[in-house]
């Protein structure tokens, strides 16, 4: 009887694993489960075992994609940066680029921090490993920032320093919102970002 029960359990586990793989990439499924836990405030339960249960596979099945919890947290942080970059790109296009687009990317940055605080904090507190060019989720966001500096301040001598200046200011504003030093008010945020990212009209 015990042997039969064990066989049923094994089959059940295989069915779960098969279902997880059948519906898509396991790595993507685990990242999605981790993001869901972050959104729900379950940041303390971001271990491989907890996420393996969420997607219906054994913890050992995850080691091929994430050798340890640190690798998982890095992947979640990178996904956060990718989301931020995508939102800023959308804001840039919607505003029509140029100075207006530059300001819109700054507002989108602070909005992302407000809307997804746990993911934002994780994304900017991880010591990300060195990556090959194009492998960092924050590349889109930084490229937009640098391009915006070029359009808003065409005469600037060092665009990288100017980009760092703008990033520092908008990140500081995001942290003030996250730490509840100021209340979230998108209109006010846009006004402050306009001064930070414009000062040029």
N, C-alpha and C. Protein backbone atom coordinates (compact mmCIF):
# COMPACT_ATOMS: atom_id res chain seq x y z
N UNK A 1 0.84 -1.21 0.00
CA UNK A 1 0.00 0.00 0.00
C UNK A 1 0.87 1.26 0.00
N UNK A 2 1.90 1.21 0.85
CA UNK A 2 2.80 2.36 0.93
C UNK A 2 3.47 2.61 -0.41
N UNK A 3 3.87 1.48 -1.04
CA UNK A 3 4.52 1.61 -2.34
C UNK A 3 3.58 2.23 -3.36
N UNK A 4 2.33 1.81 -3.32
CA UNK A 4 1.34 2.34 -4.25
C UNK A 4 1.12 3.82 -4.03
N UNK A 5 1.02 4.21 -2.74
CA UNK A 5 0.81 5.62 -2.41
C UNK A 5 1.99 6.47 -2.90
N UNK A 6 3.20 5.93 -2.72
CA UNK A 6 4.38 6.66 -3.15
C UNK A 6 4.39 6.85 -4.65
N UNK A 7 3.93 5.80 -5.35
CA UNK A 7 3.88 5.89 -6.80
C UNK A 7 2.92 6.98 -7.24
N UNK A 8 1.79 7.06 -6.55
CA UNK A 8 0.80 8.08 -6.88
C UNK A 8 1.39 9.47 -6.64
N UNK A 9 2.13 9.63 -5.51
CA UNK A 9 2.72 10.93 -5.21
C UNK A 9 3.74 11.34 -6.26
N UNK A 10 4.56 10.35 -6.67
CA UNK A 10 5.56 10.63 -7.68
C UNK A 10 4.90 11.06 -8.97
N UNK A 11 3.84 10.32 -9.35
CA UNK A 11 3.13 10.68 -10.57
C UNK A 11 2.54 12.07 -10.48
N UNK A 12 2.04 12.39 -9.27
CA UNK A 12 1.46 13.71 -9.08
C UNK A 12 2.48 14.80 -9.24
N UNK A 13 3.69 14.57 -8.66
CA UNK A 13 4.76 15.56 -8.78
C UNK A 13 5.18 15.72 -10.23
N UNK A 14 5.27 14.57 -10.94
CA UNK A 14 5.65 14.64 -12.34
C UNK A 14 4.60 15.39 -13.15
N UNK A 15 3.34 15.20 -12.81
CA UNK A 15 2.27 15.89 -13.53
C UNK A 15 2.37 17.38 -13.30
N UNK A 16 2.65 17.75 -12.03
CA UNK A 16 2.80 19.18 -11.74
C UNK A 16 3.95 19.79 -12.52
N UNK A 17 5.09 19.08 -12.49
CA UNK A 17 6.26 19.58 -13.19
C UNK A 17 5.99 19.67 -14.68
N UNK A 18 5.33 18.63 -15.21
CA UNK A 18 5.02 18.62 -16.63
C UNK A 18 4.12 19.79 -16.99
N UNK A 19 3.15 20.07 -16.11
CA UNK A 19 2.25 21.19 -16.36
C UNK A 19 2.97 22.51 -16.37
N UNK A 20 3.92 22.68 -15.42
CA UNK A 20 4.67 23.93 -15.33
C UNK A 20 5.49 24.15 -16.60
N UNK A 21 6.15 23.09 -17.05
CA UNK A 21 6.96 23.22 -18.26
C UNK A 21 6.10 23.37 -19.49
N UNK A 22 4.95 22.68 -19.49
CA UNK A 22 4.08 22.70 -20.66
C UNK A 22 3.55 24.11 -20.92
N UNK A 23 3.30 24.84 -19.83
CA UNK A 23 2.70 26.16 -19.99
C UNK A 23 3.72 27.26 -20.24
N UNK A 24 4.96 26.90 -20.35
CA UNK A 24 5.96 27.93 -20.65
C UNK A 24 7.28 27.64 -20.00
N UNK A 25 8.16 28.58 -20.12
CA UNK A 25 9.50 28.47 -19.58
C UNK A 25 9.48 28.48 -18.06
N UNK A 26 10.15 27.52 -17.45
CA UNK A 26 10.15 27.42 -15.99
C UNK A 26 10.80 28.65 -15.36
N UNK A 27 11.89 29.11 -15.94
CA UNK A 27 12.58 30.29 -15.39
C UNK A 27 11.63 31.48 -15.34
N UNK A 28 10.90 31.70 -16.43
CA UNK A 28 9.96 32.82 -16.49
C UNK A 28 8.84 32.64 -15.48
N UNK A 29 8.39 31.39 -15.30
CA UNK A 29 7.31 31.11 -14.35
C UNK A 29 7.76 31.41 -12.92
N UNK A 30 9.00 31.07 -12.60
CA UNK A 30 9.52 31.32 -11.26
C UNK A 30 9.69 32.82 -11.02
N UNK A 31 10.18 33.53 -12.01
CA UNK A 31 10.32 34.99 -11.88
C UNK A 31 8.95 35.62 -11.67
N UNK A 32 7.95 35.16 -12.43
CA UNK A 32 6.59 35.69 -12.28
C UNK A 32 6.06 35.42 -10.87
N UNK A 33 6.34 34.22 -10.35
CA UNK A 33 5.89 33.87 -9.00
C UNK A 33 6.60 34.74 -7.97
N UNK A 34 7.88 35.01 -8.19
CA UNK A 34 8.62 35.87 -7.28
C UNK A 34 8.09 37.30 -7.29
N UNK A 35 7.76 37.80 -8.47
CA UNK A 35 7.20 39.14 -8.58
C UNK A 35 5.85 39.23 -7.88
N UNK A 36 5.09 38.16 -7.97
CA UNK A 36 3.78 38.12 -7.31
C UNK A 36 3.95 38.17 -5.80
N UNK A 37 4.94 37.44 -5.29
CA UNK A 37 5.19 37.46 -3.85
C UNK A 37 5.67 38.84 -3.40
N UNK A 38 6.51 39.47 -4.20
CA UNK A 38 6.96 40.82 -3.87
C UNK A 38 5.78 41.78 -3.80
N UNK A 39 4.90 41.68 -4.77
CA UNK A 39 3.74 42.57 -4.82
C UNK A 39 2.83 42.37 -3.62
N UNK A 40 2.76 41.10 -3.16
CA UNK A 40 1.90 40.79 -2.02
C UNK A 40 2.57 41.08 -0.68
N UNK A 41 3.83 41.49 -0.72
CA UNK A 41 4.53 41.78 0.51
C UNK A 41 5.17 40.57 1.15
N UNK A 42 5.37 39.51 0.37
CA UNK A 42 5.98 38.29 0.89
C UNK A 42 7.47 38.22 0.55
N UNK A 43 8.15 39.34 0.66
CA UNK A 43 9.56 39.39 0.31
C UNK A 43 10.40 38.43 1.13
N UNK A 44 9.95 38.11 2.35
CA UNK A 44 10.71 37.19 3.18
C UNK A 44 10.60 35.75 2.74
N UNK A 45 9.68 35.47 1.82
CA UNK A 45 9.47 34.11 1.34
C UNK A 45 9.87 33.98 -0.11
N UNK A 46 11.03 34.50 -0.44
CA UNK A 46 11.50 34.44 -1.82
C UNK A 46 12.54 33.35 -2.00
N UNK A 47 12.47 32.32 -1.18
CA UNK A 47 13.39 31.21 -1.31
C UNK A 47 13.00 30.30 -2.47
N UNK A 48 13.96 29.47 -2.91
CA UNK A 48 13.70 28.57 -4.03
C UNK A 48 12.61 27.56 -3.70
N UNK A 49 12.58 27.09 -2.46
CA UNK A 49 11.57 26.09 -2.09
C UNK A 49 10.16 26.68 -2.17
N UNK A 50 10.01 27.89 -1.64
CA UNK A 50 8.69 28.53 -1.65
C UNK A 50 8.22 28.75 -3.09
N UNK A 51 9.10 29.22 -3.95
CA UNK A 51 8.71 29.48 -5.33
C UNK A 51 8.51 28.19 -6.11
N UNK A 52 9.26 27.15 -5.74
CA UNK A 52 9.04 25.85 -6.39
C UNK A 52 7.63 25.36 -6.10
N UNK A 53 7.18 25.55 -4.86
CA UNK A 53 5.80 25.16 -4.52
C UNK A 53 4.81 25.98 -5.33
N UNK A 54 5.09 27.25 -5.50
CA UNK A 54 4.16 28.12 -6.24
C UNK A 54 3.96 27.66 -7.68
N UNK A 55 5.03 27.19 -8.31
CA UNK A 55 4.92 26.79 -9.72
C UNK A 55 4.69 25.30 -9.89
N UNK A 56 4.69 24.55 -8.77
CA UNK A 56 4.36 23.13 -8.85
C UNK A 56 5.48 22.21 -9.28
N UNK A 57 6.72 22.55 -8.90
CA UNK A 57 7.84 21.66 -9.21
C UNK A 57 8.66 21.47 -7.95
N UNK A 58 9.62 20.55 -8.00
CA UNK A 58 10.51 20.34 -6.87
C UNK A 58 11.57 21.45 -6.87
N UNK A 59 12.12 21.71 -5.69
CA UNK A 59 13.15 22.76 -5.59
C UNK A 59 14.36 22.42 -6.45
N UNK A 60 14.68 21.13 -6.55
CA UNK A 60 15.85 20.75 -7.35
C UNK A 60 15.68 21.10 -8.82
N UNK A 61 14.42 21.17 -9.27
CA UNK A 61 14.18 21.51 -10.68
C UNK A 61 14.58 22.94 -10.99
N UNK A 62 14.67 23.77 -9.95
CA UNK A 62 15.00 25.18 -10.18
C UNK A 62 16.49 25.44 -10.24
N UNK A 63 17.29 24.51 -9.72
CA UNK A 63 18.72 24.76 -9.63
C UNK A 63 19.40 24.91 -10.99
N UNK A 64 18.80 24.36 -12.01
CA UNK A 64 19.37 24.51 -13.35
C UNK A 64 19.30 25.97 -13.80
N UNK A 65 18.29 26.68 -13.31
CA UNK A 65 18.10 28.08 -13.70
C UNK A 65 18.65 29.05 -12.65
N UNK A 66 18.55 28.64 -11.38
CA UNK A 66 19.01 29.49 -10.28
C UNK A 66 19.83 28.65 -9.32
N UNK A 67 21.15 28.72 -9.36
CA UNK A 67 21.98 27.89 -8.49
C UNK A 67 21.79 28.17 -7.01
N UNK A 68 21.33 29.37 -6.67
CA UNK A 68 21.06 29.70 -5.28
C UNK A 68 20.09 30.87 -5.22
N UNK A 69 19.72 31.24 -4.00
CA UNK A 69 18.75 32.33 -3.82
C UNK A 69 19.29 33.65 -4.35
N UNK A 70 20.58 33.86 -4.23
CA UNK A 70 21.17 35.11 -4.71
C UNK A 70 20.95 35.28 -6.21
N UNK A 71 21.10 34.19 -6.95
CA UNK A 71 20.88 34.23 -8.40
C UNK A 71 19.42 34.55 -8.71
N UNK A 72 18.52 34.01 -7.89
CA UNK A 72 17.09 34.29 -8.07
C UNK A 72 16.80 35.77 -7.81
N UNK A 73 17.35 36.31 -6.75
CA UNK A 73 17.13 37.72 -6.42
C UNK A 73 17.71 38.63 -7.50
N UNK A 74 18.86 38.24 -8.04
CA UNK A 74 19.45 39.02 -9.14
C UNK A 74 18.52 39.02 -10.35
N UNK A 75 17.92 37.86 -10.64
CA UNK A 75 17.01 37.76 -11.79
C UNK A 75 15.77 38.62 -11.58
N UNK A 76 15.26 38.64 -10.36
CA UNK A 76 14.09 39.47 -10.06
C UNK A 76 14.44 40.95 -10.16
N UNK A 77 15.61 41.31 -9.65
CA UNK A 77 16.05 42.71 -9.74
C UNK A 77 16.21 43.13 -11.19
N UNK A 78 16.78 42.25 -12.00
CA UNK A 78 16.97 42.56 -13.41
C UNK A 78 15.63 42.73 -14.11
N UNK A 79 14.65 41.90 -13.75
CA UNK A 79 13.32 42.03 -14.34
C UNK A 79 12.69 43.35 -13.94
N UNK A 80 12.94 43.78 -12.70
CA UNK A 80 12.44 45.09 -12.28
C UNK A 80 13.01 46.21 -13.13
N UNK A 81 14.30 46.13 -13.43
CA UNK A 81 14.93 47.15 -14.27
C UNK A 81 14.39 47.11 -15.69
N UNK A 82 14.12 45.91 -16.17
CA UNK A 82 13.54 45.78 -17.52
C UNK A 82 12.15 46.43 -17.57
N UNK A 83 11.36 46.19 -16.53
CA UNK A 83 10.02 46.80 -16.48
C UNK A 83 10.11 48.32 -16.42
N UNK A 84 11.02 48.80 -15.61
CA UNK A 84 11.21 50.25 -15.51
C UNK A 84 11.60 50.82 -16.86
N UNK A 85 12.54 50.18 -17.53
CA UNK A 85 12.96 50.66 -18.84
C UNK A 85 11.83 50.67 -19.85
N UNK A 86 10.99 49.62 -19.81
CA UNK A 86 9.86 49.55 -20.74
C UNK A 86 8.85 50.66 -20.48
N UNK A 87 8.57 50.91 -19.19
CA UNK A 87 7.63 51.98 -18.84
C UNK A 87 8.17 53.35 -19.25
N UNK A 88 9.45 53.55 -19.07
CA UNK A 88 10.03 54.83 -19.46
C UNK A 88 10.04 55.00 -20.98
N UNK A 89 10.28 53.90 -21.68
CA UNK A 89 10.26 53.97 -23.15
C UNK A 89 8.86 54.34 -23.65
N UNK A 90 7.84 53.76 -23.02
CA UNK A 90 6.46 54.07 -23.38
C UNK A 90 6.15 55.54 -23.10
N UNK A 91 6.61 56.02 -21.94
CA UNK A 91 6.37 57.41 -21.56
C UNK A 91 7.07 58.35 -22.54
N UNK A 92 8.27 58.00 -22.94
CA UNK A 92 9.05 58.80 -23.89
C UNK A 92 8.32 58.92 -25.22
N UNK A 93 7.84 57.79 -25.72
CA UNK A 93 7.14 57.78 -27.01
C UNK A 93 5.82 58.53 -26.94
N UNK A 94 5.08 58.31 -25.86
CA UNK A 94 3.78 58.96 -25.70
C UNK A 94 3.92 60.48 -25.66
N UNK A 95 5.00 60.96 -25.05
CA UNK A 95 5.22 62.41 -24.95
C UNK A 95 5.83 62.99 -26.21
N UNK A 96 6.21 62.12 -27.14
CA UNK A 96 6.77 62.61 -28.40
C UNK A 96 8.26 62.87 -28.38
N UNK A 97 8.95 62.31 -27.39
CA UNK A 97 10.39 62.48 -27.32
C UNK A 97 10.81 63.87 -26.92
N UNK A 98 12.05 64.21 -27.19
CA UNK A 98 12.54 65.55 -26.87
C UNK A 98 12.51 65.86 -25.38
N UNK A 99 12.41 67.14 -25.07
CA UNK A 99 12.38 67.57 -23.67
C UNK A 99 11.15 67.02 -22.96
N UNK A 100 10.00 67.03 -23.65
CA UNK A 100 8.77 66.50 -23.03
C UNK A 100 8.93 65.02 -22.71
N UNK A 101 9.56 64.29 -23.62
CA UNK A 101 9.78 62.87 -23.39
C UNK A 101 10.75 62.65 -22.25
N UNK A 102 11.76 63.49 -22.18
CA UNK A 102 12.75 63.42 -21.11
C UNK A 102 12.08 63.57 -19.74
N UNK A 103 11.23 64.58 -19.63
CA UNK A 103 10.51 64.80 -18.38
C UNK A 103 9.57 63.64 -18.07
N UNK A 104 8.92 63.11 -19.11
CA UNK A 104 7.98 61.99 -18.91
C UNK A 104 8.68 60.75 -18.38
N UNK A 105 9.93 60.52 -18.82
CA UNK A 105 10.66 59.35 -18.32
C UNK A 105 10.98 59.51 -16.84
N UNK A 106 11.23 60.75 -16.42
CA UNK A 106 11.50 61.00 -15.01
C UNK A 106 10.28 60.75 -14.15
N UNK A 107 9.13 61.22 -14.62
CA UNK A 107 7.88 60.98 -13.88
C UNK A 107 7.57 59.50 -13.83
N UNK A 108 7.80 58.79 -14.94
CA UNK A 108 7.55 57.35 -14.99
C UNK A 108 8.43 56.61 -13.99
N UNK A 109 9.64 57.08 -13.81
CA UNK A 109 10.58 56.48 -12.86
C UNK A 109 10.00 56.54 -11.44
N UNK A 110 9.55 57.73 -11.05
CA UNK A 110 9.01 57.90 -9.70
C UNK A 110 7.70 57.13 -9.55
N UNK A 111 6.89 57.10 -10.61
CA UNK A 111 5.62 56.36 -10.56
C UNK A 111 5.87 54.87 -10.36
N UNK A 112 6.89 54.34 -11.03
CA UNK A 112 7.23 52.93 -10.87
C UNK A 112 7.61 52.63 -9.43
N UNK A 113 8.40 53.52 -8.82
CA UNK A 113 8.78 53.33 -7.41
C UNK A 113 7.54 53.33 -6.52
N UNK A 114 6.60 54.22 -6.81
CA UNK A 114 5.37 54.30 -6.02
C UNK A 114 4.49 53.07 -6.22
N UNK A 115 4.35 52.63 -7.46
CA UNK A 115 3.44 51.52 -7.78
C UNK A 115 4.00 50.16 -7.41
N UNK A 116 5.32 49.99 -7.49
CA UNK A 116 5.94 48.69 -7.19
C UNK A 116 7.13 48.89 -6.25
N UNK A 117 6.83 49.32 -5.03
CA UNK A 117 7.91 49.68 -4.10
C UNK A 117 8.88 48.55 -3.78
N UNK A 118 8.38 47.34 -3.54
CA UNK A 118 9.26 46.23 -3.18
C UNK A 118 10.19 45.88 -4.34
N UNK A 119 9.65 45.84 -5.54
CA UNK A 119 10.45 45.52 -6.71
C UNK A 119 11.47 46.64 -6.98
N UNK A 120 11.05 47.88 -6.81
CA UNK A 120 11.95 49.00 -7.01
C UNK A 120 13.12 48.92 -6.04
N UNK A 121 12.82 48.69 -4.77
CA UNK A 121 13.88 48.62 -3.77
C UNK A 121 14.84 47.46 -4.07
N UNK A 122 14.28 46.31 -4.42
CA UNK A 122 15.12 45.16 -4.74
C UNK A 122 16.02 45.46 -5.94
N UNK A 123 15.46 46.09 -6.94
CA UNK A 123 16.20 46.36 -8.17
C UNK A 123 17.38 47.29 -7.95
N UNK A 124 17.26 48.16 -6.96
CA UNK A 124 18.33 49.14 -6.74
C UNK A 124 19.15 48.88 -5.48
N UNK A 125 18.93 47.75 -4.84
CA UNK A 125 19.75 47.41 -3.68
C UNK A 125 20.59 46.17 -3.92
N UNK A 126 20.38 45.49 -5.04
CA UNK A 126 21.21 44.33 -5.37
C UNK A 126 22.54 44.78 -5.95
N UNK A 127 23.60 44.13 -5.57
CA UNK A 127 24.91 44.38 -6.18
C UNK A 127 24.96 43.49 -7.41
N UNK A 128 24.56 44.06 -8.54
CA UNK A 128 24.43 43.25 -9.75
C UNK A 128 25.80 42.85 -10.28
N UNK A 129 25.92 41.59 -10.71
CA UNK A 129 27.20 41.13 -11.26
C UNK A 129 27.50 41.79 -12.60
N UNK A 130 28.76 41.71 -13.02
CA UNK A 130 29.12 42.25 -14.33
C UNK A 130 28.38 41.49 -15.41
N UNK A 131 27.92 42.24 -16.42
CA UNK A 131 27.19 41.61 -17.51
C UNK A 131 27.81 42.02 -18.83
N UNK A 132 27.59 41.17 -19.81
CA UNK A 132 28.00 41.54 -21.16
C UNK A 132 27.09 42.66 -21.63
N UNK A 133 27.53 43.43 -22.58
CA UNK A 133 26.74 44.54 -23.10
C UNK A 133 25.39 44.04 -23.57
N UNK A 134 24.33 44.72 -23.16
CA UNK A 134 22.98 44.32 -23.57
C UNK A 134 22.33 43.38 -22.58
N UNK A 135 23.06 42.96 -21.53
CA UNK A 135 22.49 41.98 -20.61
C UNK A 135 21.84 42.58 -19.39
N UNK A 136 21.98 43.88 -19.20
CA UNK A 136 21.45 44.52 -18.01
C UNK A 136 20.08 45.10 -18.30
N UNK A 137 19.10 44.77 -17.45
CA UNK A 137 17.76 45.26 -17.66
C UNK A 137 17.64 46.77 -17.58
N UNK A 138 18.61 47.44 -16.95
CA UNK A 138 18.55 48.88 -16.82
C UNK A 138 19.12 49.62 -18.02
N UNK A 139 19.58 48.89 -19.02
CA UNK A 139 20.24 49.54 -20.15
C UNK A 139 19.28 50.46 -20.91
N UNK A 140 18.04 50.01 -21.13
CA UNK A 140 17.06 50.83 -21.85
C UNK A 140 16.83 52.13 -21.10
N UNK A 141 16.63 52.01 -19.78
CA UNK A 141 16.38 53.20 -18.96
C UNK A 141 17.55 54.17 -19.03
N UNK A 142 18.77 53.64 -18.92
CA UNK A 142 19.93 54.53 -18.93
C UNK A 142 20.12 55.17 -20.31
N UNK A 143 19.91 54.41 -21.36
CA UNK A 143 20.06 54.96 -22.71
C UNK A 143 19.06 56.09 -22.96
N UNK A 144 17.84 55.91 -22.44
CA UNK A 144 16.84 56.97 -22.57
C UNK A 144 17.27 58.21 -21.80
N UNK A 145 17.81 57.98 -20.62
CA UNK A 145 18.27 59.10 -19.80
C UNK A 145 19.37 59.86 -20.51
N UNK A 146 20.32 59.13 -21.06
CA UNK A 146 21.44 59.78 -21.74
C UNK A 146 20.97 60.52 -23.00
N UNK A 147 20.04 59.88 -23.73
CA UNK A 147 19.51 60.54 -24.93
C UNK A 147 18.73 61.79 -24.55
N UNK A 148 17.98 61.71 -23.46
CA UNK A 148 17.21 62.86 -23.00
C UNK A 148 18.09 64.02 -22.62
N UNK A 149 19.21 63.70 -21.96
CA UNK A 149 20.16 64.75 -21.59
C UNK A 149 20.67 65.43 -22.85
N UNK A 150 20.95 64.64 -23.87
CA UNK A 150 21.46 65.20 -25.11
C UNK A 150 20.49 66.15 -25.78
N UNK A 151 19.18 65.84 -25.67
CA UNK A 151 18.17 66.69 -26.31
C UNK A 151 17.81 67.89 -25.44
N UNK A 152 17.74 67.67 -24.12
CA UNK A 152 17.35 68.76 -23.22
C UNK A 152 18.49 69.73 -22.98
N UNK A 153 19.71 69.21 -23.01
CA UNK A 153 20.89 70.04 -22.76
C UNK A 153 21.91 69.80 -23.87
N UNK A 154 21.60 70.25 -25.08
CA UNK A 154 22.45 69.94 -26.24
C UNK A 154 23.90 70.43 -26.12
N UNK A 155 24.13 71.42 -25.29
CA UNK A 155 25.49 71.95 -25.19
C UNK A 155 26.30 71.35 -24.06
N UNK A 156 25.74 70.36 -23.37
CA UNK A 156 26.44 69.81 -22.21
C UNK A 156 27.74 69.15 -22.64
N UNK A 157 28.80 69.38 -21.87
CA UNK A 157 30.12 68.86 -22.23
C UNK A 157 30.27 67.38 -21.92
N UNK A 158 29.69 66.94 -20.81
CA UNK A 158 29.83 65.54 -20.41
C UNK A 158 28.44 64.95 -20.18
N UNK A 159 27.84 64.31 -21.19
CA UNK A 159 26.49 63.78 -21.05
C UNK A 159 26.36 62.70 -19.98
N UNK A 160 27.43 61.95 -19.73
CA UNK A 160 27.35 60.92 -18.68
C UNK A 160 27.22 61.55 -17.30
N UNK A 161 27.96 62.62 -17.07
CA UNK A 161 27.86 63.31 -15.78
C UNK A 161 26.49 63.97 -15.64
N UNK A 162 26.00 64.56 -16.72
CA UNK A 162 24.68 65.19 -16.69
C UNK A 162 23.60 64.14 -16.46
N UNK A 163 23.76 62.97 -17.08
CA UNK A 163 22.79 61.89 -16.89
C UNK A 163 22.79 61.42 -15.44
N UNK A 164 23.98 61.31 -14.85
CA UNK A 164 24.08 60.90 -13.45
C UNK A 164 23.44 61.94 -12.54
N UNK A 165 23.61 63.20 -12.88
CA UNK A 165 23.01 64.29 -12.11
C UNK A 165 21.48 64.16 -12.12
N UNK A 166 20.91 63.99 -13.32
CA UNK A 166 19.46 63.86 -13.44
C UNK A 166 18.95 62.61 -12.74
N UNK A 167 19.67 61.51 -12.90
CA UNK A 167 19.26 60.25 -12.28
C UNK A 167 19.28 60.38 -10.75
N UNK A 168 20.34 60.99 -10.23
CA UNK A 168 20.45 61.16 -8.77
C UNK A 168 19.26 61.94 -8.22
N UNK A 169 18.89 62.99 -8.92
CA UNK A 169 17.79 63.83 -8.45
C UNK A 169 16.45 63.10 -8.50
N UNK A 170 16.17 62.40 -9.61
CA UNK A 170 14.88 61.74 -9.72
C UNK A 170 14.83 60.51 -8.81
N UNK A 171 15.97 59.86 -8.60
CA UNK A 171 16.00 58.72 -7.67
C UNK A 171 15.77 59.20 -6.25
N UNK A 172 16.35 60.35 -5.92
CA UNK A 172 16.12 60.91 -4.60
C UNK A 172 14.65 61.23 -4.38
N UNK A 173 14.00 61.75 -5.40
CA UNK A 173 12.57 62.05 -5.30
C UNK A 173 11.78 60.76 -5.10
N UNK A 174 12.15 59.71 -5.84
CA UNK A 174 11.47 58.41 -5.69
C UNK A 174 11.63 57.88 -4.27
N UNK A 175 12.81 58.02 -3.69
CA UNK A 175 13.04 57.52 -2.34
C UNK A 175 12.28 58.34 -1.30
N UNK A 176 12.13 59.63 -1.53
CA UNK A 176 11.33 60.44 -0.61
C UNK A 176 9.87 59.98 -0.61
N UNK A 177 9.38 59.60 -1.78
CA UNK A 177 8.02 59.07 -1.87
C UNK A 177 7.93 57.71 -1.18
N UNK A 178 8.90 56.83 -1.46
CA UNK A 178 8.88 55.50 -0.87
C UNK A 178 8.98 55.54 0.65
N UNK A 179 9.81 56.44 1.17
CA UNK A 179 10.02 56.53 2.61
C UNK A 179 8.97 57.40 3.29
N UNK A 180 7.96 57.80 2.52
CA UNK A 180 6.83 58.58 3.06
C UNK A 180 7.26 59.92 3.65
N UNK A 181 8.32 60.47 3.07
CA UNK A 181 8.73 61.81 3.49
C UNK A 181 7.87 62.86 2.80
N UNK A 182 7.36 62.49 1.64
CA UNK A 182 6.41 63.35 0.94
C UNK A 182 5.27 62.47 0.43
N UNK A 183 4.10 63.04 0.28
CA UNK A 183 2.95 62.29 -0.21
C UNK A 183 3.03 62.13 -1.72
N UNK A 184 2.46 61.01 -2.19
CA UNK A 184 2.42 60.79 -3.63
C UNK A 184 1.41 61.73 -4.26
N UNK A 185 1.87 62.52 -5.20
CA UNK A 185 1.02 63.44 -5.95
C UNK A 185 1.65 63.53 -7.33
N UNK A 186 1.06 62.86 -8.30
CA UNK A 186 1.70 62.78 -9.61
C UNK A 186 1.90 64.15 -10.25
N UNK A 187 0.95 65.03 -10.05
CA UNK A 187 1.10 66.37 -10.60
C UNK A 187 2.31 67.08 -10.01
N UNK A 188 2.46 66.98 -8.70
CA UNK A 188 3.60 67.60 -8.04
C UNK A 188 4.91 66.95 -8.48
N UNK A 189 4.87 65.61 -8.61
CA UNK A 189 6.07 64.89 -9.07
C UNK A 189 6.47 65.38 -10.45
N UNK A 190 5.49 65.51 -11.35
CA UNK A 190 5.78 65.98 -12.71
C UNK A 190 6.36 67.39 -12.68
N UNK A 191 5.86 68.22 -11.76
CA UNK A 191 6.36 69.59 -11.65
C UNK A 191 7.81 69.60 -11.18
N UNK A 192 8.11 68.78 -10.17
CA UNK A 192 9.48 68.72 -9.65
C UNK A 192 10.41 68.13 -10.70
N UNK A 193 9.94 67.08 -11.37
CA UNK A 193 10.77 66.47 -12.42
C UNK A 193 11.02 67.48 -13.54
N UNK A 194 10.03 68.30 -13.82
CA UNK A 194 10.20 69.33 -14.85
C UNK A 194 11.36 70.26 -14.52
N UNK A 195 11.50 70.60 -13.24
CA UNK A 195 12.61 71.45 -12.81
C UNK A 195 13.91 70.68 -12.85
N UNK A 196 13.84 69.41 -12.41
CA UNK A 196 15.03 68.57 -12.36
C UNK A 196 15.55 68.25 -13.76
N UNK A 197 14.62 67.83 -14.64
CA UNK A 197 15.00 67.36 -15.96
C UNK A 197 14.93 68.46 -17.02
N UNK A 198 14.49 69.61 -16.62
CA UNK A 198 14.34 70.65 -17.64
C UNK A 198 15.10 71.88 -17.28
N UNK A 199 14.50 72.58 -16.41
CA UNK A 199 15.06 73.87 -16.15
C UNK A 199 15.25 74.58 -17.48
N UNK A 200 14.80 73.93 -18.57
CA UNK A 200 15.08 74.45 -19.90
C UNK A 200 13.77 74.66 -20.66
N UNK A 201 12.69 74.80 -19.93
CA UNK A 201 11.44 75.08 -20.58
C UNK A 201 10.52 73.91 -20.64
